[in-house]
Amino acid sequence: MDNGALEKLIWVLIYGGLLSLCLALFLGREGAAIAWAFGLAGVAAALAGAVLVVVRARRSPPAPTPRRPNPGDRP
């Protein structure tokens, strides 16, 4: 998985988890079981995103791709 895709996954997990946690707070008045399920899923997703932030920080930067010369370039 390249760094760009990993960063997208990180933010989806973090924001999705926090949104699920907020939904659990609102559902807490109606049904406790579904609220706990949403809350635990949200916390798990946000924690997975936080762990992936650490993984992304410890990765080495990608190797630069060599630039192919354009036929119109002059030496």
N, C-alpha and C. Protein backbone atom coordinates (compact mmCIF):
# COMPACT_ATOMS: atom_id res chain seq x y z
N MET A 1 0.86 -1.17 0.00
CA MET A 1 0.00 0.00 0.00
C MET A 1 0.91 1.23 0.00
N ASP A 2 0.66 2.13 -0.93
CA ASP A 2 1.50 3.32 -1.00
C ASP A 2 1.05 4.33 0.06
N ASN A 3 1.87 5.35 0.24
CA ASN A 3 1.62 6.31 1.32
C ASN A 3 0.35 7.11 1.11
N GLY A 4 0.01 7.42 -0.14
CA GLY A 4 -1.21 8.18 -0.39
C GLY A 4 -2.46 7.42 0.01
N ALA A 5 -2.51 6.14 -0.35
CA ALA A 5 -3.66 5.31 0.02
C ALA A 5 -3.72 5.10 1.53
N LEU A 6 -2.56 4.96 2.16
CA LEU A 6 -2.53 4.79 3.61
C LEU A 6 -3.05 6.04 4.32
N GLU A 7 -2.67 7.21 3.84
CA GLU A 7 -3.16 8.45 4.46
C GLU A 7 -4.66 8.60 4.31
N LYS A 8 -5.21 8.21 3.17
CA LYS A 8 -6.66 8.26 2.99
C LYS A 8 -7.36 7.32 3.96
N LEU A 9 -6.82 6.12 4.10
CA LEU A 9 -7.40 5.16 5.04
C LEU A 9 -7.33 5.67 6.47
N ILE A 10 -6.24 6.31 6.83
CA ILE A 10 -6.08 6.85 8.18
C ILE A 10 -7.20 7.85 8.48
N TRP A 11 -7.40 8.80 7.57
CA TRP A 11 -8.40 9.83 7.84
C TRP A 11 -9.81 9.29 7.80
N VAL A 12 -10.08 8.32 6.95
CA VAL A 12 -11.41 7.70 6.93
C VAL A 12 -11.67 7.00 8.26
N LEU A 13 -10.68 6.28 8.77
CA LEU A 13 -10.86 5.59 10.05
C LEU A 13 -11.04 6.56 11.21
N ILE A 14 -10.23 7.61 11.24
CA ILE A 14 -10.33 8.54 12.37
C ILE A 14 -11.66 9.29 12.34
N TYR A 15 -11.99 9.89 11.21
CA TYR A 15 -13.23 10.66 11.16
C TYR A 15 -14.46 9.76 11.22
N GLY A 16 -14.40 8.59 10.60
CA GLY A 16 -15.52 7.66 10.70
C GLY A 16 -15.73 7.17 12.12
N GLY A 17 -14.64 6.90 12.81
CA GLY A 17 -14.76 6.46 14.20
C GLY A 17 -15.32 7.54 15.11
N LEU A 18 -14.88 8.78 14.91
CA LEU A 18 -15.41 9.86 15.74
C LEU A 18 -16.88 10.14 15.43
N LEU A 19 -17.25 10.03 14.15
CA LEU A 19 -18.66 10.21 13.78
C LEU A 19 -19.52 9.11 14.40
N SER A 20 -19.02 7.89 14.38
CA SER A 20 -19.75 6.78 14.99
C SER A 20 -19.87 6.96 16.50
N LEU A 21 -18.84 7.50 17.12
CA LEU A 21 -18.89 7.75 18.56
C LEU A 21 -19.93 8.83 18.89
N CYS A 22 -19.99 9.86 18.07
CA CYS A 22 -21.02 10.90 18.28
C CYS A 22 -22.42 10.34 18.08
N LEU A 23 -22.58 9.48 17.07
CA LEU A 23 -23.87 8.85 16.86
C LEU A 23 -24.25 7.99 18.05
N ALA A 24 -23.27 7.33 18.65
CA ALA A 24 -23.55 6.51 19.83
C ALA A 24 -24.02 7.36 21.00
N LEU A 25 -23.48 8.56 21.12
CA LEU A 25 -23.93 9.44 22.21
C LEU A 25 -25.38 9.85 22.02
N PHE A 26 -25.77 10.09 20.78
CA PHE A 26 -27.17 10.45 20.53
C PHE A 26 -28.10 9.26 20.65
N LEU A 27 -27.63 8.06 20.32
CA LEU A 27 -28.47 6.87 20.42
C LEU A 27 -28.58 6.36 21.86
N GLY A 28 -27.76 6.85 22.73
CA GLY A 28 -27.77 6.39 24.11
C GLY A 28 -29.10 6.59 24.82
N ARG A 29 -29.87 7.57 24.38
CA ARG A 29 -31.17 7.82 25.03
C ARG A 29 -32.22 6.79 24.64
N GLU A 30 -32.08 6.23 23.44
CA GLU A 30 -33.12 5.32 22.93
C GLU A 30 -32.80 3.85 23.24
N GLY A 31 -31.64 3.41 22.81
CA GLY A 31 -31.30 2.00 23.02
C GLY A 31 -29.86 1.87 23.47
N ALA A 32 -29.68 1.30 24.63
CA ALA A 32 -28.33 1.22 25.18
C ALA A 32 -27.46 0.22 24.43
N ALA A 33 -28.05 -0.87 23.95
CA ALA A 33 -27.25 -1.90 23.30
C ALA A 33 -26.67 -1.39 21.97
N ILE A 34 -27.49 -0.75 21.17
CA ILE A 34 -27.01 -0.25 19.88
C ILE A 34 -26.04 0.91 20.08
N ALA A 35 -26.25 1.69 21.11
CA ALA A 35 -25.35 2.79 21.40
C ALA A 35 -23.97 2.26 21.80
N TRP A 36 -23.94 1.22 22.60
CA TRP A 36 -22.66 0.62 22.98
C TRP A 36 -21.95 0.03 21.77
N ALA A 37 -22.72 -0.59 20.88
CA ALA A 37 -22.13 -1.18 19.68
C ALA A 37 -21.51 -0.10 18.80
N PHE A 38 -22.24 0.98 18.57
CA PHE A 38 -21.70 2.08 17.77
C PHE A 38 -20.50 2.73 18.47
N GLY A 39 -20.59 2.87 19.77
CA GLY A 39 -19.50 3.49 20.52
C GLY A 39 -18.22 2.67 20.47
N LEU A 40 -18.34 1.37 20.67
CA LEU A 40 -17.16 0.51 20.64
C LEU A 40 -16.56 0.44 19.23
N ALA A 41 -17.43 0.38 18.22
CA ALA A 41 -16.93 0.36 16.84
C ALA A 41 -16.23 1.67 16.51
N GLY A 42 -16.78 2.77 16.98
CA GLY A 42 -16.17 4.07 16.73
C GLY A 42 -14.82 4.22 17.41
N VAL A 43 -14.73 3.79 18.63
CA VAL A 43 -13.47 3.87 19.36
C VAL A 43 -12.43 2.96 18.70
N ALA A 44 -12.85 1.78 18.28
CA ALA A 44 -11.92 0.85 17.63
C ALA A 44 -11.40 1.43 16.31
N ALA A 45 -12.29 2.05 15.53
CA ALA A 45 -11.87 2.63 14.25
C ALA A 45 -10.93 3.82 14.48
N ALA A 46 -11.24 4.66 15.44
CA ALA A 46 -10.38 5.81 15.71
C ALA A 46 -9.01 5.36 16.23
N LEU A 47 -8.99 4.35 17.07
CA LEU A 47 -7.71 3.83 17.56
C LEU A 47 -6.90 3.17 16.44
N ALA A 48 -7.58 2.47 15.53
CA ALA A 48 -6.88 1.88 14.38
C ALA A 48 -6.28 2.98 13.51
N GLY A 49 -7.00 4.08 13.33
CA GLY A 49 -6.46 5.20 12.58
C GLY A 49 -5.25 5.81 13.27
N ALA A 50 -5.30 5.92 14.59
CA ALA A 50 -4.17 6.47 15.33
C ALA A 50 -2.95 5.55 15.24
N VAL A 51 -3.16 4.25 15.28
CA VAL A 51 -2.05 3.30 15.14
C VAL A 51 -1.45 3.43 13.73
N LEU A 52 -2.29 3.59 12.73
CA LEU A 52 -1.78 3.74 11.37
C LEU A 52 -1.02 5.04 11.17
N VAL A 53 -1.35 6.07 11.95
CA VAL A 53 -0.57 7.31 11.90
C VAL A 53 0.86 7.02 12.35
N VAL A 54 1.01 6.23 13.40
CA VAL A 54 2.34 5.86 13.88
C VAL A 54 3.06 5.00 12.85
N VAL A 55 2.34 4.07 12.24
CA VAL A 55 2.95 3.23 11.20
C VAL A 55 3.41 4.09 10.03
N ARG A 56 2.60 5.04 9.63
CA ARG A 56 2.96 5.92 8.51
C ARG A 56 4.17 6.78 8.87
N ALA A 57 4.27 7.21 10.09
CA ALA A 57 5.40 8.05 10.50
C ALA A 57 6.70 7.26 10.52
N ARG A 58 6.63 5.96 10.76
CA ARG A 58 7.84 5.15 10.85
C ARG A 58 8.27 4.59 9.50
N ARG A 59 7.46 4.76 8.48
CA ARG A 59 7.82 4.26 7.15
C ARG A 59 8.89 5.14 6.52
N SER A 60 9.68 4.53 5.68
CA SER A 60 10.68 5.32 4.96
C SER A 60 10.00 6.03 3.79
N PRO A 61 10.53 7.18 3.41
CA PRO A 61 9.91 7.90 2.29
C PRO A 61 10.07 7.11 1.00
N PRO A 62 9.13 7.29 0.07
CA PRO A 62 9.23 6.53 -1.18
C PRO A 62 10.43 7.00 -2.01
N ALA A 63 10.99 6.09 -2.76
CA ALA A 63 12.12 6.43 -3.61
C ALA A 63 11.64 7.34 -4.75
N PRO A 64 12.43 8.34 -5.09
CA PRO A 64 12.00 9.21 -6.18
C PRO A 64 12.00 8.46 -7.50
N THR A 65 11.00 8.73 -8.30
CA THR A 65 10.92 8.08 -9.60
C THR A 65 11.79 8.84 -10.60
N PRO A 66 12.52 8.13 -11.40
CA PRO A 66 13.38 8.82 -12.38
C PRO A 66 12.52 9.52 -13.44
N ARG A 67 12.95 10.68 -13.80
CA ARG A 67 12.21 11.48 -14.78
C ARG A 67 12.64 11.06 -16.17
N ARG A 68 11.67 10.70 -16.98
CA ARG A 68 11.97 10.34 -18.36
C ARG A 68 12.13 11.59 -19.18
N PRO A 69 13.14 11.66 -20.03
CA PRO A 69 13.33 12.87 -20.84
C PRO A 69 12.20 13.03 -21.85
N ASN A 70 11.79 14.25 -22.01
CA ASN A 70 10.77 14.59 -22.97
C ASN A 70 11.42 14.73 -24.35
N PRO A 71 10.81 14.27 -25.42
CA PRO A 71 11.46 14.40 -26.72
C PRO A 71 11.75 15.84 -27.13
N GLY A 72 10.99 16.78 -26.61
CA GLY A 72 11.20 18.18 -26.95
C GLY A 72 12.24 18.87 -26.09
N ASP A 73 12.74 18.19 -25.05
CA ASP A 73 13.76 18.80 -24.18
C ASP A 73 15.09 18.94 -24.93
N ARG A 74 15.78 19.99 -24.62
CA ARG A 74 17.11 20.20 -25.21
C ARG A 74 18.16 19.87 -24.17
N PRO A 75 19.26 19.26 -24.62
CA PRO A 75 20.32 18.90 -23.66
C PRO A 75 21.05 20.08 -23.10
